[in-house]
PDB file of N, CA and C in Angstrom:
ATOM      1  N   MET A   1       0.879  -1.204   0.022  1.00  0.00           N
ATOM      2  CA  MET A   1       0.024   0.031  -0.030  1.00  0.00           C
ATOM      3  C   MET A   1       0.974   1.201  -0.002  1.00  0.00           C
ATOM      4  N   LEU A   2       1.917   1.273   0.783  1.00  0.00           N
ATOM      5  CA  LEU A   2       2.819   2.418   0.784  1.00  0.00           C
ATOM      6  C   LEU A   2       3.448   2.654  -0.543  1.00  0.00           C
ATOM      7  N   LEU A   3       3.863   1.467  -1.132  1.00  0.00           N
ATOM      8  CA  LEU A   3       4.415   1.647  -2.554  1.00  0.00           C
ATOM      9  C   LEU A   3       3.530   2.310  -3.511  1.00  0.00           C
ATOM     10  N   THR A   4       2.212   1.902  -3.449  1.00  0.00           N
ATOM     11  CA  THR A   4       1.275   2.498  -4.495  1.00  0.00           C
ATOM     12  C   THR A   4       1.127   3.942  -4.127  1.00  0.00           C
ATOM     13  N   ILE A   5       1.148   4.344  -2.878  1.00  0.00           N
ATOM     14  CA  ILE A   5       0.992   5.780  -2.433  1.00  0.00           C
ATOM     15  C   ILE A   5       2.183   6.556  -3.022  1.00  0.00           C
ATOM     16  N   ILE A   6       3.346   6.022  -2.782  1.00  0.00           N
ATOM     17  CA  ILE A   6       4.613   6.673  -3.265  1.00  0.00           C
ATOM     18  C   ILE A   6       4.689   6.776  -4.822  1.00  0.00           C
ATOM     19  N   LEU A   7       4.187   5.655  -5.522  1.00  0.00           N
ATOM     20  CA  LEU A   7       4.139   5.667  -6.919  1.00  0.00           C
ATOM     21  C   LEU A   7       3.129   6.677  -7.465  1.00  0.00           C
ATOM     22  N   GLY A   8       1.968   6.836  -6.774  1.00  0.00           N
ATOM     23  CA  GLY A   8       0.994   7.774  -7.101  1.00  0.00           C
ATOM     24  C   GLY A   8       1.558   9.198  -7.010  1.00  0.00           C
ATOM     25  N   ILE A   9       2.093   9.524  -5.922  1.00  0.00           N
ATOM     26  CA  ILE A   9       2.833  10.848  -5.774  1.00  0.00           C
ATOM     27  C   ILE A   9       3.883  11.078  -6.829  1.00  0.00           C
ATOM     28  N   ILE A  10       4.701  10.164  -7.089  1.00  0.00           N
ATOM     29  CA  ILE A  10       5.689  10.258  -8.096  1.00  0.00           C
ATOM     30  C   ILE A  10       5.111  10.622  -9.448  1.00  0.00           C
ATOM     31  N   LEU A  11       4.000   9.850  -9.871  1.00  0.00           N
ATOM     32  CA  LEU A  11       3.324  10.061 -11.132  1.00  0.00           C
ATOM     33  C   LEU A  11       2.702  11.466 -11.160  1.00  0.00           C
ATOM     34  N   ILE A  12       2.145  11.850 -10.062  1.00  0.00           N
ATOM     35  CA  ILE A  12       1.509  13.232 -10.045  1.00  0.00           C
ATOM     36  C   ILE A  12       2.576  14.254 -10.243  1.00  0.00           C
ATOM     37  N   VAL A  13       3.717  14.304  -9.530  1.00  0.00           N
ATOM     38  CA  VAL A  13       4.836  15.284  -9.763  1.00  0.00           C
ATOM     39  C   VAL A  13       5.393  15.044 -11.150  1.00  0.00           C
ATOM     40  N   LEU A  14       5.633  13.942 -11.647  1.00  0.00           N
ATOM     41  CA  LEU A  14       6.097  13.848 -12.961  1.00  0.00           C
ATOM     42  C   LEU A  14       5.262  14.428 -14.039  1.00  0.00           C
ATOM     43  N   GLY A  15       3.903  14.038 -13.879  1.00  0.00           N
ATOM     44  CA  GLY A  15       3.056  14.626 -14.814  1.00  0.00           C
ATOM     45  C   GLY A  15       2.900  16.136 -14.768  1.00  0.00           C
ATOM     46  N   LEU A  16       2.890  16.694 -13.540  1.00  0.00           N
ATOM     47  CA  LEU A  16       2.894  18.147 -13.298  1.00  0.00           C
ATOM     48  C   LEU A  16       4.096  18.784 -14.008  1.00  0.00           C
ATOM     49  N   TRP A  17       5.220  18.181 -13.701  1.00  0.00           N
ATOM     50  CA  TRP A  17       6.502  18.634 -14.361  1.00  0.00           C
ATOM     51  C   TRP A  17       6.313  18.658 -15.847  1.00  0.00           C
ATOM     52  N   GLY A  18       5.770  17.571 -16.406  1.00  0.00           N
ATOM     53  CA  GLY A  18       5.734  17.435 -17.913  1.00  0.00           C
ATOM     54  C   GLY A  18       4.794  18.559 -18.410  1.00  0.00           C
ATOM     55  N   MET A  19       3.742  18.867 -17.764  1.00  0.00           N
ATOM     56  CA  MET A  19       2.731  19.827 -18.219  1.00  0.00           C
ATOM     57  C   MET A  19       3.360  21.336 -18.123  1.00  0.00           C
ATOM     58  N   LEU A  20       4.164  21.578 -17.128  1.00  0.00           N
ATOM     59  CA  LEU A  20       4.759  22.835 -16.964  1.00  0.00           C
ATOM     60  C   LEU A  20       6.030  23.071 -17.651  1.00  0.00           C
ATOM     61  N   SER A  21       6.711  22.052 -17.960  1.00  0.00           N
ATOM     62  CA  SER A  21       7.983  22.360 -18.500  1.00  0.00           C
ATOM     63  C   SER A  21       8.059  22.200 -20.076  1.00  0.00           C
ATOM     64  N   GLN A  22       7.181  21.600 -20.639  1.00  0.00           N
ATOM     65  CA  GLN A  22       7.249  21.308 -22.033  1.00  0.00           C
ATOM     66  C   GLN A  22       6.583  22.317 -22.907  1.00  0.00           C
ATOM     67  N   LYS A  23       7.040  22.437 -24.076  1.00  0.00           N
ATOM     68  CA  LYS A  23       6.486  23.424 -25.127  1.00  0.00           C
ATOM     69  C   LYS A  23       5.638  22.785 -26.078  1.00  0.00           C
ATOM     70  N   ASN A  24       5.730  21.443 -26.270  1.00  0.00           N
ATOM     71  CA  ASN A  24       4.962  20.764 -27.366  1.00  0.00           C
ATOM     72  C   ASN A  24       3.653  20.434 -26.740  1.00  0.00           C
ATOM     73  N   ILE A  25       2.539  20.579 -27.431  1.00  0.00           N
ATOM     74  CA  ILE A  25       1.185  20.344 -26.915  1.00  0.00           C
ATOM     75  C   ILE A  25       0.983  18.883 -26.705  1.00  0.00           C
ATOM     76  N   ILE A  26       1.433  18.045 -27.461  1.00  0.00           N
ATOM     77  CA  ILE A  26       1.291  16.608 -27.256  1.00  0.00           C
ATOM     78  C   ILE A  26       1.914  16.169 -26.027  1.00  0.00           C
ATOM     79  N   LYS A  27       3.158  16.634 -25.706  1.00  0.00           N
ATOM     80  CA  LYS A  27       3.882  16.340 -24.388  1.00  0.00           C
ATOM     81  C   LYS A  27       3.116  16.769 -23.278  1.00  0.00           C
ATOM     82  N   ILE A  28       2.395  17.963 -23.353  1.00  0.00           N
ATOM     83  CA  ILE A  28       1.744  18.601 -22.257  1.00  0.00           C
ATOM     84  C   ILE A  28       0.397  17.635 -22.025  1.00  0.00           C
ATOM     85  N   ILE A  29      -0.197  17.090 -23.048  1.00  0.00           N
ATOM     86  CA  ILE A  29      -1.317  16.165 -22.996  1.00  0.00           C
ATOM     87  C   ILE A  29      -0.886  14.869 -22.260  1.00  0.00           C
ATOM     88  N   ILE A  30       0.339  14.410 -22.663  1.00  0.00           N
ATOM     89  CA  ILE A  30       0.896  13.150 -22.093  1.00  0.00           C
ATOM     90  C   ILE A  30       1.084  13.393 -20.593  1.00  0.00           C
ATOM     91  N   GLY A  31       1.640  14.558 -20.189  1.00  0.00           N
ATOM     92  CA  GLY A  31       1.833  14.924 -18.826  1.00  0.00           C
ATOM     93  C   GLY A  31       0.521  14.977 -18.008  1.00  0.00           C
ATOM     94  N   PHE A  32      -0.438  15.484 -18.716  1.00  0.00           N
ATOM     95  CA  PHE A  32      -1.826  15.455 -18.026  1.00  0.00           C
ATOM     96  C   PHE A  32      -2.220  14.065 -17.748  1.00  0.00           C
ATOM     97  N   SER A  33      -2.231  13.191 -18.772  1.00  0.00           N
ATOM     98  CA  SER A  33      -2.588  11.766 -18.577  1.00  0.00           C
ATOM     99  C   SER A  33      -1.738  11.089 -17.484  1.00  0.00           C
ATOM    100  N   ILE A  34      -0.467  11.362 -17.334  1.00  0.00           N
ATOM    101  CA  ILE A  34       0.328  10.694 -16.353  1.00  0.00           C
ATOM    102  C   ILE A  34      -0.049  11.138 -14.990  1.00  0.00           C
ATOM    103  N   MET A  35      -0.305  12.541 -14.908  1.00  0.00           N
ATOM    104  CA  MET A  35      -0.778  13.007 -13.606  1.00  0.00           C
ATOM    105  C   MET A  35      -2.138  12.473 -13.233  1.00  0.00           C
ATOM    106  N   ASP A  36      -3.010  12.351 -14.214  1.00  0.00           N
ATOM    107  CA  ASP A  36      -4.382  11.715 -13.923  1.00  0.00           C
ATOM    108  C   ASP A  36      -4.161  10.275 -13.416  1.00  0.00           C
ATOM    109  N   THR A  37      -3.337   9.524 -13.965  1.00  0.00           N
ATOM    110  CA  THR A  37      -3.097   8.089 -13.502  1.00  0.00           C
ATOM    111  C   THR A  37      -2.533   8.160 -12.127  1.00  0.00           C
ATOM    112  N   GLY A  38      -1.695   9.041 -11.778  1.00  0.00           N
ATOM    113  CA  GLY A  38      -1.117   9.140 -10.372  1.00  0.00           C
ATOM    114  C   GLY A  38      -2.205   9.420  -9.404  1.00  0.00           C
ATOM    115  N   ILE A  39      -3.034  10.322  -9.776  1.00  0.00           N
ATOM    116  CA  ILE A  39      -4.338  10.734  -8.815  1.00  0.00           C
ATOM    117  C   ILE A  39      -5.108   9.421  -8.704  1.00  0.00           C
ATOM    118  N   HIS A  40      -5.380   8.739  -9.711  1.00  0.00           N
ATOM    119  CA  HIS A  40      -6.172   7.433  -9.666  1.00  0.00           C
ATOM    120  C   HIS A  40      -5.408   6.478  -8.582  1.00  0.00           C
ATOM    121  N   LEU A  41      -4.146   6.269  -8.803  1.00  0.00           N
ATOM    122  CA  LEU A  41      -3.435   5.400  -7.885  1.00  0.00           C
ATOM    123  C   LEU A  41      -3.608   5.753  -6.527  1.00  0.00           C
ATOM    124  N   LEU A  42      -3.446   7.162  -6.300  1.00  0.00           N
ATOM    125  CA  LEU A  42      -3.446   7.622  -4.878  1.00  0.00           C
ATOM    126  C   LEU A  42      -4.775   7.474  -4.224  1.00  0.00           C
ATOM    127  N   ILE A  43      -5.911   7.804  -5.093  1.00  0.00           N
ATOM    128  CA  ILE A  43      -7.240   7.562  -4.338  1.00  0.00           C
ATOM    129  C   ILE A  43      -7.486   6.142  -4.029  1.00  0.00           C
ATOM    130  N   LEU A  44      -7.155   5.205  -5.004  1.00  0.00           N
ATOM    131  CA  LEU A  44      -7.298   3.805  -4.724  1.00  0.00           C
ATOM    132  C   LEU A  44      -6.558   3.274  -3.559  1.00  0.00           C
ATOM    133  N   SER A  45      -5.224   3.694  -3.550  1.00  0.00           N
ATOM    134  CA  SER A  45      -4.434   3.267  -2.337  1.00  0.00           C
ATOM    135  C   SER A  45      -4.844   3.854  -1.014  1.00  0.00           C
ATOM    136  N   ILE A  46      -5.406   5.047  -1.009  1.00  0.00           N
ATOM    137  CA  ILE A  46      -5.922   5.490   0.248  1.00  0.00           C
ATOM    138  C   ILE A  46      -7.251   4.862   0.619  1.00  0.00           C
ATOM    139  N   GLY A  47      -7.982   4.388  -0.243  1.00  0.00           N
ATOM    140  CA  GLY A  47      -9.213   3.730   0.048  1.00  0.00           C
ATOM    141  C   GLY A  47      -9.063   2.301   0.438  1.00  0.00           C
ATOM    142  N   TYR A  48      -7.910   1.694   0.281  1.00  0.00           N
ATOM    143  CA  TYR A  48      -7.568   0.281   0.441  1.00  0.00           C
ATOM    144  C   TYR A  48      -7.418   0.008   1.942  1.00  0.00           C
ATOM    145  N   ILE A  49      -8.030  -1.023   2.438  1.00  0.00           N
ATOM    146  CA  ILE A  49      -7.820  -1.541   3.854  1.00  0.00           C
ATOM    147  C   ILE A  49      -7.168  -2.868   3.765  1.00  0.00           C
ATOM    148  N   LYS A  50      -6.144  -3.097   4.560  1.00  0.00           N
ATOM    149  CA  LYS A  50      -5.495  -4.427   4.585  1.00  0.00           C
ATOM    150  C   LYS A  50      -6.394  -5.520   5.093  1.00  0.00           C
ATOM    151  N   ASP A  51      -6.238  -6.740   4.610  1.00  0.00           N
ATOM    152  CA  ASP A  51      -7.035  -7.931   5.053  1.00  0.00           C
ATOM    153  C   ASP A  51      -8.577  -7.824   4.889  1.00  0.00           C
ATOM    154  N   ARG A  52      -8.918  -6.999   3.968  1.00  0.00           N
ATOM    155  CA  ARG A  52     -10.340  -6.961   3.665  1.00  0.00           C
ATOM    156  C   ARG A  52     -10.717  -7.308   2.049  1.00  0.00           C
ATOM    157  N   THR A  53     -11.729  -7.708   1.731  1.00  0.00           N
ATOM    158  CA  THR A  53     -12.076  -8.160   0.500  1.00  0.00           C
ATOM    159  C   THR A  53     -12.824  -7.163  -0.373  1.00  0.00           C
ATOM    160  N   ALA A  54     -13.015  -7.373  -1.616  1.00  0.00           N
ATOM    161  CA  ALA A  54     -13.868  -6.551  -2.520  1.00  0.00           C
ATOM    162  C   ALA A  54     -15.367  -6.451  -1.932  1.00  0.00           C
ATOM    163  N   PRO A  55     -16.012  -5.265  -2.211  1.00  0.00           N
ATOM    164  CA  PRO A  55     -17.311  -5.123  -1.686  1.00  0.00           C
ATOM    165  C   PRO A  55     -18.466  -5.865  -2.470  1.00  0.00           C
ATOM    166  N   ILE A  56     -18.236  -7.219  -2.574  1.00  0.00           N
ATOM    167  CA  ILE A  56     -19.113  -8.036  -3.212  1.00  0.00           C
ATOM    168  C   ILE A  56     -19.758  -9.041  -2.078  1.00  0.00           C
ATOM    169  N   MET A  57     -20.975  -8.921  -1.828  1.00  0.00           N
ATOM    170  CA  MET A  57     -21.505  -9.707  -0.697  1.00  0.00           C
ATOM    171  C   MET A  57     -21.843 -11.204  -1.359  1.00  0.00           C
ATOM    172  N   ASN A  58     -21.176 -12.257  -0.746  1.00  0.00           N
ATOM    173  CA  ASN A  58     -21.452 -13.662  -1.100  1.00  0.00           C
ATOM    174  C   ASN A  58     -21.240 -14.487   0.200  1.00  0.00           C
ATOM    175  N   GLN A  59     -21.165 -15.767   0.072  1.00  0.00           N
ATOM    176  CA  GLN A  59     -21.121 -16.614   1.193  1.00  0.00           C
ATOM    177  C   GLN A  59     -19.822 -16.555   1.974  1.00  0.00           C
ATOM    178  N   ALA A  60     -18.742 -16.005   1.421  1.00  0.00           N
ATOM    179  CA  ALA A  60     -17.531 -15.851   2.075  1.00  0.00           C
ATOM    180  C   ALA A  60     -17.513 -14.689   3.048  1.00  0.00           C
ATOM    181  N   VAL A  61     -18.246 -13.683   2.629  1.00  0.00           N
ATOM    182  CA  VAL A  61     -18.379 -12.488   3.483  1.00  0.00           C
ATOM    183  C   VAL A  61     -19.549 -12.482   4.354  1.00  0.00           C
ATOM    184  N   GLN A  62     -19.268 -12.405   5.621  1.00  0.00           N
ATOM    185  CA  GLN A  62     -20.351 -12.561   6.605  1.00  0.00           C
ATOM    186  C   GLN A  62     -20.851 -11.221   6.996  1.00  0.00           C
ATOM    187  N   SER A  63     -20.079 -10.267   7.150  1.00  0.00           N
ATOM    188  CA  SER A  63     -20.489  -9.072   7.604  1.00  0.00           C
ATOM    189  C   SER A  63     -19.918  -7.788   6.831  1.00  0.00           C
ATOM    190  N   ALA A  64     -20.508  -6.565   7.030  1.00  0.00           N
ATOM    191  CA  ALA A  64     -20.081  -5.445   6.163  1.00  0.00           C
ATOM    192  C   ALA A  64     -18.605  -4.948   6.688  1.00  0.00           C
ATOM    193  N   GLY A  65     -18.191  -5.435   7.873  1.00  0.00           N
ATOM    194  CA  GLY A  65     -16.985  -5.009   8.409  1.00  0.00           C
ATOM    195  C   GLY A  65     -15.769  -5.686   7.632  1.00  0.00           C
ATOM    196  N   GLN A  66     -16.012  -6.707   6.731  1.00  0.00           N
ATOM    197  CA  GLN A  66     -14.918  -7.490   6.136  1.00  0.00           C
ATOM    198  C   GLN A  66     -14.722  -6.917   4.795  1.00  0.00           C
ATOM    199  N   VAL A  67     -15.300  -5.879   4.271  1.00  0.00           N
ATOM    200  CA  VAL A  67     -15.059  -5.375   2.969  1.00  0.00           C
ATOM    201  C   VAL A  67     -14.478  -3.977   2.956  1.00  0.00           C
ATOM    202  N   ILE A  68     -13.888  -3.525   1.941  1.00  0.00           N
ATOM    203  CA  ILE A  68     -13.421  -2.230   1.857  1.00  0.00           C
ATOM    204  C   ILE A  68     -14.568  -1.320   1.378  1.00  0.00           C
ATOM    205  N   ASP A  69     -14.405   0.009   1.485  1.00  0.00           N
ATOM    206  CA  ASP A  69     -15.324   1.001   1.071  1.00  0.00           C
ATOM    207  C   ASP A  69     -15.393   1.039  -0.426  1.00  0.00           C
ATOM    208  N   PRO A  70     -16.505   0.863  -1.049  1.00  0.00           N
ATOM    209  CA  PRO A  70     -16.556   0.821  -2.555  1.00  0.00           C
ATOM    210  C   PRO A  70     -16.505   2.250  -3.157  1.00  0.00           C
ATOM    211  N   VAL A  71     -16.764   3.297  -2.409  1.00  0.00           N
ATOM    212  CA  VAL A  71     -16.791   4.662  -2.917  1.00  0.00           C
ATOM    213  C   VAL A  71     -15.589   5.090  -3.636  1.00  0.00           C
ATOM    214  N   PRO A  72     -14.307   4.872  -3.122  1.00  0.00           N
ATOM    215  CA  PRO A  72     -13.164   5.276  -3.790  1.00  0.00           C
ATOM    216  C   PRO A  72     -13.009   4.650  -5.062  1.00  0.00           C
ATOM    217  N   SER A  73     -13.353   3.229  -5.166  1.00  0.00           N
ATOM    218  CA  SER A  73     -13.323   2.612  -6.427  1.00  0.00           C
ATOM    219  C   SER A  73     -14.271   3.210  -7.430  1.00  0.00           C
ATOM    220  N   ALA A  74     -15.409   3.559  -7.033  1.00  0.00           N
ATOM    221  CA  ALA A  74     -16.400   4.122  -7.854  1.00  0.00           C
ATOM    222  C   ALA A  74     -16.026   5.480  -8.346  1.00  0.00           C
ATOM    223  N   LEU A  75     -15.466   6.128  -7.457  1.00  0.00           N
ATOM    224  CA  LEU A  75     -14.934   7.583  -7.928  1.00  0.00           C
ATOM    225  C   LEU A  75     -13.883   7.389  -8.863  1.00  0.00           C
ATOM    226  N   VAL A  76     -12.846   6.573  -8.701  1.00  0.00           N
ATOM    227  CA  VAL A  76     -11.822   6.281  -9.670  1.00  0.00           C
ATOM    228  C   VAL A  76     -12.311   5.819 -11.049  1.00  0.00           C
ATOM    229  N   LEU A  77     -13.348   4.927 -11.037  1.00  0.00           N
ATOM    230  CA  LEU A  77     -13.868   4.504 -12.195  1.00  0.00           C
ATOM    231  C   LEU A  77     -14.539   5.725 -13.030  1.00  0.00           C
ATOM    232  N   THR A  78     -15.253   6.543 -12.401  1.00  0.00           N
ATOM    233  CA  THR A  78     -15.831   7.643 -12.933  1.00  0.00           C
ATOM    234  C   THR A  78     -14.750   8.637 -13.433  1.00  0.00           C
ATOM    235  N   ALA A  79     -13.689   8.804 -12.557  1.00  0.00           N
ATOM    236  CA  ALA A  79     -12.590   9.746 -13.067  1.00  0.00           C
ATOM    237  C   ALA A  79     -11.804   9.303 -14.212  1.00  0.00           C
ATOM    238  N   ILE A  80     -11.758   7.961 -14.386  1.00  0.00           N
ATOM    239  CA  ILE A  80     -11.007   7.364 -15.576  1.00  0.00           C
ATOM    240  C   ILE A  80     -11.831   7.765 -16.821  1.00  0.00           C
ATOM    241  N   VAL A  81     -13.186   7.632 -16.764  1.00  0.00           N
ATOM    242  CA  VAL A  81     -13.953   8.010 -17.891  1.00  0.00           C
ATOM    243  C   VAL A  81     -13.915   9.469 -18.248  1.00  0.00           C
ATOM    244  N   ILE A  82     -13.972  10.367 -17.276  1.00  0.00           N
ATOM    245  CA  ILE A  82     -13.924  11.742 -17.465  1.00  0.00           C
ATOM    246  C   ILE A  82     -12.447  12.108 -18.009  1.00  0.00           C
ATOM    247  N   GLY A  83     -11.407  11.476 -17.439  1.00  0.00           N
ATOM    248  CA  GLY A  83     -10.082  11.746 -17.845  1.00  0.00           C
ATOM    249  C   GLY A  83      -9.887  11.395 -19.330  1.00  0.00           C
ATOM    250  N   LEU A  84     -10.528  10.306 -19.757  1.00  0.00           N
ATOM    251  CA  LEU A  84     -10.399   9.776 -21.099  1.00  0.00           C
ATOM    252  C   LEU A  84     -11.175  10.862 -22.004  1.00  0.00           C
ATOM    253  N   ALA A  85     -12.276  11.292 -21.607  1.00  0.00           N
ATOM    254  CA  ALA A  85     -13.002  12.269 -22.461  1.00  0.00           C
ATOM    255  C   ALA A  85     -12.229  13.582 -22.557  1.00  0.00           C
ATOM    256  N   ILE A  86     -11.604  14.048 -21.486  1.00  0.00           N
ATOM    257  CA  ILE A  86     -10.837  15.317 -21.632  1.00  0.00           C
ATOM    258  C   ILE A  86      -9.633  15.110 -22.476  1.00  0.00           C
ATOM    259  N   THR A  87      -8.921  14.093 -22.230  1.00  0.00           N
ATOM    260  CA  THR A  87      -7.752  13.753 -23.079  1.00  0.00           C
ATOM    261  C   THR A  87      -8.083  13.738 -24.592  1.00  0.00           C
ATOM    262  N   ALA A  88      -9.283  13.072 -24.940  1.00  0.00           N
ATOM    263  CA  ALA A  88      -9.678  13.060 -26.260  1.00  0.00           C
ATOM    264  C   ALA A  88     -10.028  14.448 -26.682  1.00  0.00           C
ATOM    265  N   LEU A  89     -10.652  15.264 -25.907  1.00  0.00           N
ATOM    266  CA  LEU A  89     -10.919  16.522 -26.365  1.00  0.00           C
ATOM    267  C   LEU A  89      -9.699  17.365 -26.543  1.00  0.00           C
ATOM    268  N   MET A  90      -8.636  17.165 -25.722  1.00  0.00           N
ATOM    269  CA  MET A  90      -7.416  17.931 -25.883  1.00  0.00           C
ATOM    270  C   MET A  90      -6.718  17.572 -27.033  1.00  0.00           C
ATOM    271  N   LEU A  91      -6.757  16.222 -27.372  1.00  0.00           N
ATOM    272  CA  LEU A  91      -6.055  15.809 -28.646  1.00  0.00           C
ATOM    273  C   LEU A  91      -6.785  16.240 -29.913  1.00  0.00           C
ATOM    274  N   THR A  92      -8.061  16.440 -29.813  1.00  0.00           N
ATOM    275  CA  THR A  92      -8.853  16.987 -30.936  1.00  0.00           C
ATOM    276  C   THR A  92      -8.409  18.449 -31.079  1.00  0.00           C
ATOM    277  N   TYR A  93      -8.265  19.210 -30.073  1.00  0.00           N
ATOM    278  CA  TYR A  93      -7.927  20.648 -30.199  1.00  0.00           C
ATOM    279  C   TYR A  93      -6.326  20.594 -30.738  1.00  0.00           C
ATOM    280  N   ALA A  94      -5.557  19.680 -30.435  1.00  0.00           N
ATOM    281  CA  ALA A  94      -4.155  19.722 -30.856  1.00  0.00           C
ATOM    282  C   ALA A  94      -4.167  19.421 -32.412  1.00  0.00           C
ATOM    283  N   VAL A  95      -5.019  18.470 -32.848  1.00  0.00           N
ATOM    284  CA  VAL A  95      -5.046  18.320 -34.290  1.00  0.00           C
ATOM    285  C   VAL A  95      -5.519  19.488 -35.019  1.00  0.00           C
ATOM    286  N   LYS A  96      -6.493  20.103 -34.482  1.00  0.00           N
ATOM    287  CA  LYS A  96      -7.072  21.317 -35.182  1.00  0.00           C
ATOM    288  C   LYS A  96      -6.061  22.460 -35.142  1.00  0.00           C
ATOM    289  N   LEU A  97      -5.274  22.591 -34.104  1.00  0.00           N
ATOM    290  CA  LEU A  97      -4.307  23.597 -34.021  1.00  0.00           C
ATOM    291  C   LEU A  97      -3.098  23.286 -34.980  1.00  0.00           C
ATOM    292  N   TYR A  98      -2.850  22.077 -35.188  1.00  0.00           N
ATOM    293  CA  TYR A  98      -1.858  21.610 -36.095  1.00  0.00           C
ATOM    294  C   TYR A  98      -2.287  21.900 -37.501  1.00  0.00           C
ATOM    295  N   GLU A  99      -3.509  21.685 -37.746  1.00  0.00           N
ATOM    296  CA  GLU A  99      -4.072  21.918 -39.101  1.00  0.00           C
ATOM    297  C   GLU A  99      -4.097  23.449 -39.454  1.00  0.00           C
ATOM    298  N   ILE A 100      -4.288  24.293 -38.454  1.00  0.00           N
ATOM    299  CA  ILE A 100      -4.334  25.673 -38.599  1.00  0.00           C
ATOM    300  C   ILE A 100      -2.955  26.300 -38.711  1.00  0.00           C
ATOM    301  N   LYS A 101      -2.000  25.957 -37.844  1.00  0.00           N
ATOM    302  CA  LYS A 101      -0.759  26.565 -37.768  1.00  0.00           C
ATOM    303  C   LYS A 101       0.396  25.673 -38.419  1.00  0.00           C
ATOM    304  N   GLY A 102       0.283  24.377 -38.404  1.00  0.00           N
ATOM    305  CA  GLY A 102       1.289  23.604 -38.956  1.00  0.00           C
ATOM    306  C   GLY A 102       2.334  23.280 -37.925  1.00  0.00           C
ATOM    307  N   SER A 103       2.001  23.598 -36.573  1.00  0.00           N
ATOM    308  CA  SER A 103       2.992  23.411 -35.600  1.00  0.00           C
ATOM    309  C   SER A 103       2.331  23.117 -34.340  1.00  0.00           C
ATOM    310  N   LEU A 104       2.996  22.344 -33.356  1.00  0.00           N
ATOM    311  CA  LEU A 104       2.464  22.143 -32.029  1.00  0.00           C
ATOM    312  C   LEU A 104       3.231  22.819 -30.935  1.00  0.00           C
ATOM    313  N   GLU A 105       4.061  23.549 -31.184  1.00  0.00           N
ATOM    314  CA  GLU A 105       4.910  24.400 -30.250  1.00  0.00           C
ATOM    315  C   GLU A 105       4.054  25.506 -29.741  1.00  0.00           C
ATOM    316  N   ILE A 106       4.054  25.698 -28.361  1.00  0.00           N
ATOM    317  CA  ILE A 106       3.238  26.808 -27.877  1.00  0.00           C
ATOM    318  C   ILE A 106       3.740  28.131 -28.210  1.00  0.00           C
ATOM    319  N   SER A 107       5.050  28.267 -28.400  1.00  0.00           N
ATOM    320  CA  SER A 107       5.637  29.532 -28.821  1.00  0.00           C
ATOM    321  C   SER A 107       5.187  30.127 -30.159  1.00  0.00           C
ATOM    322  N   ASP A 108       4.678  29.185 -31.053  1.00  0.00           N
ATOM    323  CA  ASP A 108       4.193  29.629 -32.332  1.00  0.00           C
ATOM    324  C   ASP A 108       2.849  30.245 -32.344  1.00  0.00           C
ATOM    325  N   PHE A 109       2.076  30.111 -31.174  1.00  0.00           N
ATOM    326  CA  PHE A 109       0.785  30.645 -31.076  1.00  0.00           C
ATOM    327  C   PHE A 109       0.810  31.952 -30.209  1.00  0.00           C
ATOM    328  N   LYS A 110       0.850  33.000 -30.960  1.00  0.00           N
ATOM    329  CA  LYS A 110       1.050  34.364 -30.340  1.00  0.00           C
ATOM    330  C   LYS A 110      -0.228  35.270 -30.392  1.00  0.00           C
ATOM    331  N   GLU A 111      -1.284  34.755 -31.062  1.00  0.00           N
ATOM    332  CA  GLU A 111      -2.456  35.449 -31.273  1.00  0.00           C
ATOM    333  C   GLU A 111      -3.241  35.755 -29.879  1.00  0.00           C
ATOM    334  N   LEU A 112      -3.165  34.890 -29.011  1.00  0.00           N
ATOM    335  CA  LEU A 112      -4.007  35.041 -27.689  1.00  0.00           C
ATOM    336  C   LEU A 112      -3.105  35.393 -26.589  1.00  0.00           C
ATOM    337  N   LYS A 113      -1.788  35.682 -26.729  1.00  0.00           N
ATOM    338  CA  LYS A 113      -0.994  36.099 -25.620  1.00  0.00           C
ATOM    339  C   LYS A 113      -1.327  37.460 -25.254  1.00  0.00           C
ATOM    340  N   TRP A 114      -0.960  37.825 -23.922  1.00  0.00           N
ATOM    341  CA  TRP A 114      -1.369  39.143 -23.375  1.00  0.00           C
ATOM    342  C   TRP A 114      -0.431  40.214 -23.940  1.00  0.00           C
TER     343      TRP A 114
END
């Protein structure tokens, strides 16, 4: 469990660094996806309780005290779908920007700068 928390934090920091330090739009989108995966790992590892089972009631599970909380898993599942949709939207914008300008470097887009 500690390993997944550390891995999640490393992925969040790595993705944030990738988003802030890169000039290529595709690399920024990849950084966003890496950070998103780190957040999912962190939420799942925080919601995990040792020596408990999945929240599926059957003959092996006698009481509700033997299962983990299903809410973090449900939130992560929803966040994965939302993250996929946002990534697809960002990639669509990147394709359109490349069609208009012929470049994916942020420094080539000066029309909207202050």
